[in-house]
């Protein structure tokens, strides 16, 4: 299945990388690799995530601190957000 990253999801991913890189560059690379691996798994098994908190979405835990939010529309996996577990999701 084809995967499409939305601008907000790309911005989330970049912000996570940039933040971690200042603290621990190796961790930044590791988390970004886990995000890539999770996206690849989703392309092979799009229903593997659990139903999301927002109707019509799904969520996949990629690390104890991060999860992906996505939706399935017309044969596409649309990545909506990369969320830190402590972040309020969805935002009010």
PDB file of N, CA and C in Angstrom:
ATOM      1  N   UNK A   1       0.853  -1.179   0.000  1.00  0.00           N
ATOM      2  CA  UNK A   1       0.000   0.000   0.000  1.00  0.00           C
ATOM      3  C   UNK A   1       0.899   1.243   0.000  1.00  0.00           C
ATOM      4  N   UNK A   2       0.467   2.273  -0.667  1.00  0.00           N
ATOM      5  CA  UNK A   2       1.249   3.499  -0.781  1.00  0.00           C
ATOM      6  C   UNK A   2       1.119   4.344   0.481  1.00  0.00           C
ATOM      7  N   UNK A   3       2.225   4.914   0.899  1.00  0.00           N
ATOM      8  CA  UNK A   3       2.281   5.728   2.111  1.00  0.00           C
ATOM      9  C   UNK A   3       2.530   7.186   1.731  1.00  0.00           C
ATOM     10  N   UNK A   4       1.756   8.099   2.334  1.00  0.00           N
ATOM     11  CA  UNK A   4       1.933   9.527   2.074  1.00  0.00           C
ATOM     12  C   UNK A   4       2.081  10.247   3.413  1.00  0.00           C
ATOM     13  N   UNK A   5       3.132  11.043   3.533  1.00  0.00           N
ATOM     14  CA  UNK A   5       3.371  11.839   4.741  1.00  0.00           C
ATOM     15  C   UNK A   5       2.752  13.215   4.556  1.00  0.00           C
ATOM     16  N   UNK A   6       1.932  13.645   5.509  1.00  0.00           N
ATOM     17  CA  UNK A   6       1.395  15.005   5.478  1.00  0.00           C
ATOM     18  C   UNK A   6       2.466  15.971   5.995  1.00  0.00           C
ATOM     19  N   UNK A   7       2.297  17.246   5.676  1.00  0.00           N
ATOM     20  CA  UNK A   7       3.240  18.260   6.163  1.00  0.00           C
ATOM     21  C   UNK A   7       3.337  18.269   7.695  1.00  0.00           C
ATOM     22  N   UNK A   8       2.204  18.196   8.427  1.00  0.00           N
ATOM     23  CA  UNK A   8       2.327  18.167   9.890  1.00  0.00           C
ATOM     24  C   UNK A   8       3.107  16.951  10.406  1.00  0.00           C
ATOM     25  N   UNK A   9       2.923  15.799   9.778  1.00  0.00           N
ATOM     26  CA  UNK A   9       3.656  14.602  10.204  1.00  0.00           C
ATOM     27  C   UNK A   9       5.150  14.755   9.918  1.00  0.00           C
ATOM     28  N   UNK A  10       5.486  15.333   8.782  1.00  0.00           N
ATOM     29  CA  UNK A  10       6.892  15.586   8.452  1.00  0.00           C
ATOM     30  C   UNK A  10       7.481  16.564   9.468  1.00  0.00           C
ATOM     31  N   UNK A  11       6.731  17.603   9.792  1.00  0.00           N
ATOM     32  CA  UNK A  11       7.205  18.589  10.768  1.00  0.00           C
ATOM     33  C   UNK A  11       7.401  17.947  12.143  1.00  0.00           C
ATOM     34  N   UNK A  12       6.480  17.063  12.547  1.00  0.00           N
ATOM     35  CA  UNK A  12       6.632  16.345  13.817  1.00  0.00           C
ATOM     36  C   UNK A  12       7.925  15.536  13.821  1.00  0.00           C
ATOM     37  N   UNK A  13       8.115  14.789  12.748  1.00  0.00           N
ATOM     38  CA  UNK A  13       9.309  13.925  12.642  1.00  0.00           C
ATOM     39  C   UNK A  13      10.584  14.747  12.704  1.00  0.00           C
ATOM     40  N   UNK A  14      10.618  15.855  11.984  1.00  0.00           N
ATOM     41  CA  UNK A  14      11.804  16.709  11.983  1.00  0.00           C
ATOM     42  C   UNK A  14      12.046  17.332  13.357  1.00  0.00           C
ATOM     43  N   UNK A  15      10.969  17.757  14.019  1.00  0.00           N
ATOM     44  CA  UNK A  15      11.107  18.366  15.344  1.00  0.00           C
ATOM     45  C   UNK A  15      11.645  17.356  16.354  1.00  0.00           C
ATOM     46  N   UNK A  16      11.165  16.121  16.275  1.00  0.00           N
ATOM     47  CA  UNK A  16      11.658  15.066  17.168  1.00  0.00           C
ATOM     48  C   UNK A  16      13.144  14.846  16.922  1.00  0.00           C
ATOM     49  N   UNK A  17      13.513  14.720  15.643  1.00  0.00           N
ATOM     50  CA  UNK A  17      14.919  14.503  15.307  1.00  0.00           C
ATOM     51  C   UNK A  17      15.790  15.661  15.798  1.00  0.00           C
ATOM     52  N   UNK A  18      15.362  16.874  15.496  1.00  0.00           N
ATOM     53  CA  UNK A  18      16.155  18.049  15.886  1.00  0.00           C
ATOM     54  C   UNK A  18      16.326  18.136  17.397  1.00  0.00           C
ATOM     55  N   UNK A  19      15.255  17.881  18.132  1.00  0.00           N
ATOM     56  CA  UNK A  19      15.334  17.933  19.595  1.00  0.00           C
ATOM     57  C   UNK A  19      16.297  16.865  20.120  1.00  0.00           C
ATOM     58  N   UNK A  20      16.110  15.628  19.665  1.00  0.00           N
ATOM     59  CA  UNK A  20      16.963  14.544  20.162  1.00  0.00           C
ATOM     60  C   UNK A  20      18.420  14.740  19.760  1.00  0.00           C
ATOM     61  N   UNK A  21      18.631  15.278  18.570  1.00  0.00           N
ATOM     62  CA  UNK A  21      19.998  15.465  18.093  1.00  0.00           C
ATOM     63  C   UNK A  21      20.801  16.375  19.022  1.00  0.00           C
ATOM     64  N   UNK A  22      20.152  17.360  19.628  1.00  0.00           N
ATOM     65  CA  UNK A  22      20.861  18.256  20.539  1.00  0.00           C
ATOM     66  C   UNK A  22      21.227  17.562  21.849  1.00  0.00           C
ATOM     67  N   UNK A  23      20.449  16.567  22.225  1.00  0.00           N
ATOM     68  CA  UNK A  23      20.677  15.843  23.490  1.00  0.00           C
ATOM     69  C   UNK A  23      21.535  14.602  23.302  1.00  0.00           C
ATOM     70  N   UNK A  24      21.222  13.853  22.220  1.00  0.00           N
ATOM     71  CA  UNK A  24      21.878  12.570  21.992  1.00  0.00           C
ATOM     72  C   UNK A  24      21.747  12.221  20.508  1.00  0.00           C
ATOM     73  N   UNK A  25      22.751  12.553  19.703  1.00  0.00           N
ATOM     74  CA  UNK A  25      22.656  12.307  18.259  1.00  0.00           C
ATOM     75  C   UNK A  25      22.362  10.851  17.889  1.00  0.00           C
ATOM     76  N   UNK A  26      22.914   9.920  18.632  1.00  0.00           N
ATOM     77  CA  UNK A  26      22.653   8.502  18.331  1.00  0.00           C
ATOM     78  C   UNK A  26      21.181   8.163  18.550  1.00  0.00           C
ATOM     79  N   UNK A  27      20.582   8.737  19.591  1.00  0.00           N
ATOM     80  CA  UNK A  27      19.156   8.501  19.854  1.00  0.00           C
ATOM     81  C   UNK A  27      18.303   9.094  18.737  1.00  0.00           C
ATOM     82  N   UNK A  28      18.693  10.245  18.217  1.00  0.00           N
ATOM     83  CA  UNK A  28      17.955  10.861  17.111  1.00  0.00           C
ATOM     84  C   UNK A  28      17.928   9.934  15.904  1.00  0.00           C
ATOM     85  N   UNK A  29      19.071   9.371  15.592  1.00  0.00           N
ATOM     86  CA  UNK A  29      19.160   8.437  14.459  1.00  0.00           C
ATOM     87  C   UNK A  29      18.333   7.188  14.735  1.00  0.00           C
ATOM     88  N   UNK A  30      18.418   6.666  15.955  1.00  0.00           N
ATOM     89  CA  UNK A  30      17.682   5.447  16.301  1.00  0.00           C
ATOM     90  C   UNK A  30      16.171   5.655  16.201  1.00  0.00           C
ATOM     91  N   UNK A  31      15.668   6.739  16.774  1.00  0.00           N
ATOM     92  CA  UNK A  31      14.226   6.992  16.730  1.00  0.00           C
ATOM     93  C   UNK A  31      13.766   7.218  15.297  1.00  0.00           C
ATOM     94  N   UNK A  32      14.540   7.965  14.517  1.00  0.00           N
ATOM     95  CA  UNK A  32      14.155   8.181  13.124  1.00  0.00           C
ATOM     96  C   UNK A  32      14.136   6.858  12.352  1.00  0.00           C
ATOM     97  N   UNK A  33      15.072   5.970  12.655  1.00  0.00           N
ATOM     98  CA  UNK A  33      15.075   4.643  12.020  1.00  0.00           C
ATOM     99  C   UNK A  33      13.851   3.838  12.431  1.00  0.00           C
ATOM    100  N   UNK A  34      13.448   3.945  13.699  1.00  0.00           N
ATOM    101  CA  UNK A  34      12.245   3.247  14.159  1.00  0.00           C
ATOM    102  C   UNK A  34      10.991   3.787  13.469  1.00  0.00           C
ATOM    103  N   UNK A  35      10.955   5.091  13.251  1.00  0.00           N
ATOM    104  CA  UNK A  35       9.831   5.689  12.527  1.00  0.00           C
ATOM    105  C   UNK A  35       9.775   5.143  11.103  1.00  0.00           C
ATOM    106  N   UNK A  36      10.921   5.099  10.438  1.00  0.00           N
ATOM    107  CA  UNK A  36      10.980   4.561   9.068  1.00  0.00           C
ATOM    108  C   UNK A  36      10.548   3.098   9.024  1.00  0.00           C
ATOM    109  N   UNK A  37      11.033   2.312   9.986  1.00  0.00           N
ATOM    110  CA  UNK A  37      10.693   0.887  10.030  1.00  0.00           C
ATOM    111  C   UNK A  37       9.198   0.687  10.265  1.00  0.00           C
ATOM    112  N   UNK A  38       8.610   1.499  11.150  1.00  0.00           N
ATOM    113  CA  UNK A  38       7.174   1.396  11.414  1.00  0.00           C
ATOM    114  C   UNK A  38       6.377   1.737  10.158  1.00  0.00           C
ATOM    115  N   UNK A  39       6.795   2.763   9.441  1.00  0.00           N
ATOM    116  CA  UNK A  39       6.110   3.137   8.205  1.00  0.00           C
ATOM    117  C   UNK A  39       6.191   2.010   7.182  1.00  0.00           C
ATOM    118  N   UNK A  40       7.336   1.356   7.094  1.00  0.00           N
ATOM    119  CA  UNK A  40       7.487   0.226   6.180  1.00  0.00           C
ATOM    120  C   UNK A  40       6.555  -0.915   6.576  1.00  0.00           C
ATOM    121  N   UNK A  41       6.480  -1.205   7.884  1.00  0.00           N
ATOM    122  CA  UNK A  41       5.568  -2.260   8.356  1.00  0.00           C
ATOM    123  C   UNK A  41       4.118  -1.912   8.018  1.00  0.00           C
ATOM    124  N   UNK A  42       3.764  -0.644   8.172  1.00  0.00           N
ATOM    125  CA  UNK A  42       2.403  -0.230   7.835  1.00  0.00           C
ATOM    126  C   UNK A  42       2.098  -0.419   6.361  1.00  0.00           C
ATOM    127  N   UNK A  43       3.056  -0.140   5.508  1.00  0.00           N
ATOM    128  CA  UNK A  43       2.819  -0.306   4.074  1.00  0.00           C
ATOM    129  C   UNK A  43       2.557  -1.765   3.720  1.00  0.00           C
ATOM    130  N   UNK A  44       3.079  -2.681   4.532  1.00  0.00           N
ATOM    131  CA  UNK A  44       2.868  -4.112   4.310  1.00  0.00           C
ATOM    132  C   UNK A  44       1.631  -4.640   5.029  1.00  0.00           C
ATOM    133  N   UNK A  45       1.255  -3.990   6.128  1.00  0.00           N
ATOM    134  CA  UNK A  45       0.109  -4.431   6.928  1.00  0.00           C
ATOM    135  C   UNK A  45      -0.583  -3.193   7.521  1.00  0.00           C
ATOM    136  N   UNK A  46      -1.359  -2.485   6.704  1.00  0.00           N
ATOM    137  CA  UNK A  46      -1.915  -1.195   7.117  1.00  0.00           C
ATOM    138  C   UNK A  46      -2.859  -1.248   8.315  1.00  0.00           C
ATOM    139  N   UNK A  47      -3.465  -2.371   8.567  1.00  0.00           N
ATOM    140  CA  UNK A  47      -4.407  -2.467   9.693  1.00  0.00           C
ATOM    141  C   UNK A  47      -3.744  -2.898  10.988  1.00  0.00           C
ATOM    142  N   UNK A  48      -2.423  -2.918  11.008  1.00  0.00           N
ATOM    143  CA  UNK A  48      -1.717  -3.418  12.197  1.00  0.00           C
ATOM    144  C   UNK A  48      -1.808  -2.471  13.389  1.00  0.00           C
ATOM    145  N   UNK A  49      -2.073  -1.198  13.148  1.00  0.00           N
ATOM    146  CA  UNK A  49      -2.248  -0.263  14.255  1.00  0.00           C
ATOM    147  C   UNK A  49      -3.617  -0.429  14.888  1.00  0.00           C
ATOM    148  N   UNK A  50      -3.757   0.106  16.089  1.00  0.00           N
ATOM    149  CA  UNK A  50      -5.054   0.021  16.780  1.00  0.00           C
ATOM    150  C   UNK A  50      -5.930   1.195  16.356  1.00  0.00           C
ATOM    151  N   UNK A  51      -7.248   1.079  16.547  1.00  0.00           N
ATOM    152  CA  UNK A  51      -8.113   2.225  16.255  1.00  0.00           C
ATOM    153  C   UNK A  51      -7.653   3.452  17.047  1.00  0.00           C
ATOM    154  N   UNK A  52      -7.637   4.600  16.393  1.00  0.00           N
ATOM    155  CA  UNK A  52      -7.121   5.815  17.009  1.00  0.00           C
ATOM    156  C   UNK A  52      -8.105   6.513  17.917  1.00  0.00           C
ATOM    157  N   UNK A  53      -7.608   7.493  18.627  1.00  0.00           N
ATOM    158  CA  UNK A  53      -8.436   8.313  19.530  1.00  0.00           C
ATOM    159  C   UNK A  53      -9.355   9.245  18.758  1.00  0.00           C
ATOM    160  N   UNK A  54      -8.943   9.581  17.539  1.00  0.00           N
ATOM    161  CA  UNK A  54      -9.775  10.403  16.659  1.00  0.00           C
ATOM    162  C   UNK A  54     -10.483   9.446  15.699  1.00  0.00           C
ATOM    163  N   UNK A  55     -11.804   9.545  15.587  1.00  0.00           N
ATOM    164  CA  UNK A  55     -12.524   8.648  14.687  1.00  0.00           C
ATOM    165  C   UNK A  55     -11.929   8.643  13.275  1.00  0.00           C
ATOM    166  N   UNK A  56     -11.800   7.450  12.724  1.00  0.00           N
ATOM    167  CA  UNK A  56     -11.281   7.298  11.370  1.00  0.00           C
ATOM    168  C   UNK A  56      -9.770   7.171  11.287  1.00  0.00           C
ATOM    169  N   UNK A  57      -9.083   7.308  12.435  1.00  0.00           N
ATOM    170  CA  UNK A  57      -7.630   7.183  12.435  1.00  0.00           C
ATOM    171  C   UNK A  57      -7.209   5.872  13.084  1.00  0.00           C
ATOM    172  N   UNK A  58      -5.942   5.566  12.911  1.00  0.00           N
ATOM    173  CA  UNK A  58      -5.319   4.424  13.564  1.00  0.00           C
ATOM    174  C   UNK A  58      -4.010   4.912  14.179  1.00  0.00           C
ATOM    175  N   UNK A  59      -3.526   4.176  15.176  1.00  0.00           N
ATOM    176  CA  UNK A  59      -2.281   4.538  15.852  1.00  0.00           C
ATOM    177  C   UNK A  59      -1.387   3.312  15.968  1.00  0.00           C
ATOM    178  N   UNK A  60      -0.098   3.538  15.772  1.00  0.00           N
ATOM    179  CA  UNK A  60       0.886   2.467  15.927  1.00  0.00           C
ATOM    180  C   UNK A  60       1.996   2.964  16.844  1.00  0.00           C
ATOM    181  N   UNK A  61       2.219   2.223  17.909  1.00  0.00           N
ATOM    182  CA  UNK A  61       3.323   2.544  18.819  1.00  0.00           C
ATOM    183  C   UNK A  61       4.623   2.148  18.133  1.00  0.00           C
ATOM    184  N   UNK A  62       5.566   3.090  18.110  1.00  0.00           N
ATOM    185  CA  UNK A  62       6.849   2.802  17.472  1.00  0.00           C
ATOM    186  C   UNK A  62       7.976   2.716  18.488  1.00  0.00           C
ATOM    187  N   UNK A  63       7.698   3.201  19.681  1.00  0.00           N
ATOM    188  CA  UNK A  63       8.677   3.231  20.771  1.00  0.00           C
ATOM    189  C   UNK A  63       7.859   3.581  21.997  1.00  0.00           C
ATOM    190  N   UNK A  64       8.314   3.251  23.176  1.00  0.00           N
ATOM    191  CA  UNK A  64       7.480   3.536  24.349  1.00  0.00           C
ATOM    192  C   UNK A  64       7.144   5.021  24.482  1.00  0.00           C
ATOM    193  N   UNK A  65       7.901   5.885  23.829  1.00  0.00           N
ATOM    194  CA  UNK A  65       7.649   7.324  23.920  1.00  0.00           C
ATOM    195  C   UNK A  65       6.965   7.931  22.690  1.00  0.00           C
ATOM    196  N   UNK A  66       6.836   7.184  21.599  1.00  0.00           N
ATOM    197  CA  UNK A  66       6.320   7.757  20.353  1.00  0.00           C
ATOM    198  C   UNK A  66       5.330   6.828  19.668  1.00  0.00           C
ATOM    199  N   UNK A  67       4.359   7.451  18.988  1.00  0.00           N
ATOM    200  CA  UNK A  67       3.445   6.664  18.157  1.00  0.00           C
ATOM    201  C   UNK A  67       3.089   7.445  16.897  1.00  0.00           C
ATOM    202  N   UNK A  68       2.720   6.699  15.866  1.00  0.00           N
ATOM    203  CA  UNK A  68       2.290   7.271  14.593  1.00  0.00           C
ATOM    204  C   UNK A  68       0.774   7.340  14.575  1.00  0.00           C
ATOM    205  N   UNK A  69       0.243   8.387  13.988  1.00  0.00           N
ATOM    206  CA  UNK A  69      -1.196   8.511  13.766  1.00  0.00           C
ATOM    207  C   UNK A  69      -1.392   8.538  12.252  1.00  0.00           C
ATOM    208  N   UNK A  70      -2.291   7.687  11.773  1.00  0.00           N
ATOM    209  CA  UNK A  70      -2.496   7.610  10.333  1.00  0.00           C
ATOM    210  C   UNK A  70      -3.943   7.261  10.031  1.00  0.00           C
ATOM    211  N   UNK A  71      -4.287   7.417   8.758  1.00  0.00           N
ATOM    212  CA  UNK A  71      -5.610   6.996   8.300  1.00  0.00           C
ATOM    213  C   UNK A  71      -5.457   6.269   6.975  1.00  0.00           C
ATOM    214  N   UNK A  72      -6.426   5.443   6.694  1.00  0.00           N
ATOM    215  CA  UNK A  72      -6.447   4.676   5.446  1.00  0.00           C
ATOM    216  C   UNK A  72      -7.551   5.244   4.569  1.00  0.00           C
ATOM    217  N   UNK A  73      -7.158   5.755   3.409  1.00  0.00           N
ATOM    218  CA  UNK A  73      -8.130   6.362   2.498  1.00  0.00           C
ATOM    219  C   UNK A  73      -7.803   5.942   1.063  1.00  0.00           C
ATOM    220  N   UNK A  74      -8.753   5.297   0.428  1.00  0.00           N
ATOM    221  CA  UNK A  74      -8.640   4.935  -0.997  1.00  0.00           C
ATOM    222  C   UNK A  74      -7.301   4.285  -1.342  1.00  0.00           C
ATOM    223  N   UNK A  75      -6.891   3.308  -0.574  1.00  0.00           N
ATOM    224  CA  UNK A  75      -5.654   2.590  -0.864  1.00  0.00           C
ATOM    225  C   UNK A  75      -4.391   3.315  -0.459  1.00  0.00           C
ATOM    226  N   UNK A  76      -4.520   4.420   0.254  1.00  0.00           N
ATOM    227  CA  UNK A  76      -3.358   5.171   0.740  1.00  0.00           C
ATOM    228  C   UNK A  76      -3.279   5.091   2.256  1.00  0.00           C
ATOM    229  N   UNK A  77      -2.061   5.046   2.768  1.00  0.00           N
ATOM    230  CA  UNK A  77      -1.810   5.230   4.193  1.00  0.00           C
ATOM    231  C   UNK A  77      -1.353   6.673   4.330  1.00  0.00           C
ATOM    232  N   UNK A  78      -2.124   7.473   5.021  1.00  0.00           N
ATOM    233  CA  UNK A  78      -1.797   8.887   5.163  1.00  0.00           C
ATOM    234  C   UNK A  78      -1.311   9.132   6.582  1.00  0.00           C
ATOM    235  N   UNK A  79      -0.031   9.471   6.692  1.00  0.00           N
ATOM    236  CA  UNK A  79       0.578   9.736   7.989  1.00  0.00           C
ATOM    237  C   UNK A  79       0.166  11.130   8.433  1.00  0.00           C
ATOM    238  N   UNK A  80      -0.517  11.196   9.570  1.00  0.00           N
ATOM    239  CA  UNK A  80      -1.040  12.464  10.059  1.00  0.00           C
ATOM    240  C   UNK A  80      -0.152  13.125  11.101  1.00  0.00           C
ATOM    241  N   UNK A  81       0.494  12.303  11.940  1.00  0.00           N
ATOM    242  CA  UNK A  81       1.293  12.870  13.029  1.00  0.00           C
ATOM    243  C   UNK A  81       2.252  11.821  13.573  1.00  0.00           C
ATOM    244  N   UNK A  82       3.346  12.310  14.142  1.00  0.00           N
ATOM    245  CA  UNK A  82       4.248  11.501  14.961  1.00  0.00           C
ATOM    246  C   UNK A  82       4.175  12.155  16.333  1.00  0.00           C
ATOM    247  N   UNK A  83       3.694  11.414  17.321  1.00  0.00           N
ATOM    248  CA  UNK A  83       3.335  12.009  18.601  1.00  0.00           C
ATOM    249  C   UNK A  83       4.174  11.438  19.738  1.00  0.00           C
ATOM    250  N   UNK A  84       4.685  12.334  20.577  1.00  0.00           N
ATOM    251  CA  UNK A  84       5.333  11.900  21.816  1.00  0.00           C
ATOM    252  C   UNK A  84       4.231  11.513  22.786  1.00  0.00           C
ATOM    253  N   UNK A  85       4.426  10.443  23.522  1.00  0.00           N
ATOM    254  CA  UNK A  85       3.393   9.913  24.410  1.00  0.00           C
ATOM    255  C   UNK A  85       2.930  10.923  25.461  1.00  0.00           C
ATOM    256  N   UNK A  86       3.766  11.862  25.828  1.00  0.00           N
ATOM    257  CA  UNK A  86       3.379  12.872  26.825  1.00  0.00           C
ATOM    258  C   UNK A  86       2.611  14.045  26.222  1.00  0.00           C
ATOM    259  N   UNK A  87       2.597  14.112  24.907  1.00  0.00           N
ATOM    260  CA  UNK A  87       1.899  15.203  24.232  1.00  0.00           C
ATOM    261  C   UNK A  87       0.393  14.954  24.264  1.00  0.00           C
ATOM    262  N   UNK A  88      -0.372  15.994  24.440  1.00  0.00           N
ATOM    263  CA  UNK A  88      -1.833  15.894  24.394  1.00  0.00           C
ATOM    264  C   UNK A  88      -2.248  15.559  22.968  1.00  0.00           C
ATOM    265  N   UNK A  89      -2.817  14.375  22.792  1.00  0.00           N
ATOM    266  CA  UNK A  89      -3.307  13.980  21.470  1.00  0.00           C
ATOM    267  C   UNK A  89      -4.689  13.400  21.611  1.00  0.00           C
ATOM    268  N   UNK A  90      -5.646  13.877  20.867  1.00  0.00           N
ATOM    269  CA  UNK A  90      -5.549  15.040  19.982  1.00  0.00           C
ATOM    270  C   UNK A  90      -5.533  16.341  20.780  1.00  0.00           C
ATOM    271  N   UNK A  91      -5.009  17.364  20.155  1.00  0.00           N
ATOM    272  CA  UNK A  91      -4.988  18.684  20.807  1.00  0.00           C
ATOM    273  C   UNK A  91      -6.429  19.168  20.931  1.00  0.00           C
ATOM    274  N   UNK A  92      -6.711  19.832  21.984  1.00  0.00           N
ATOM    275  CA  UNK A  92      -8.090  20.332  22.188  1.00  0.00           C
ATOM    276  C   UNK A  92      -8.374  21.559  21.382  1.00  0.00           C
TER     277      UNK A  92
END
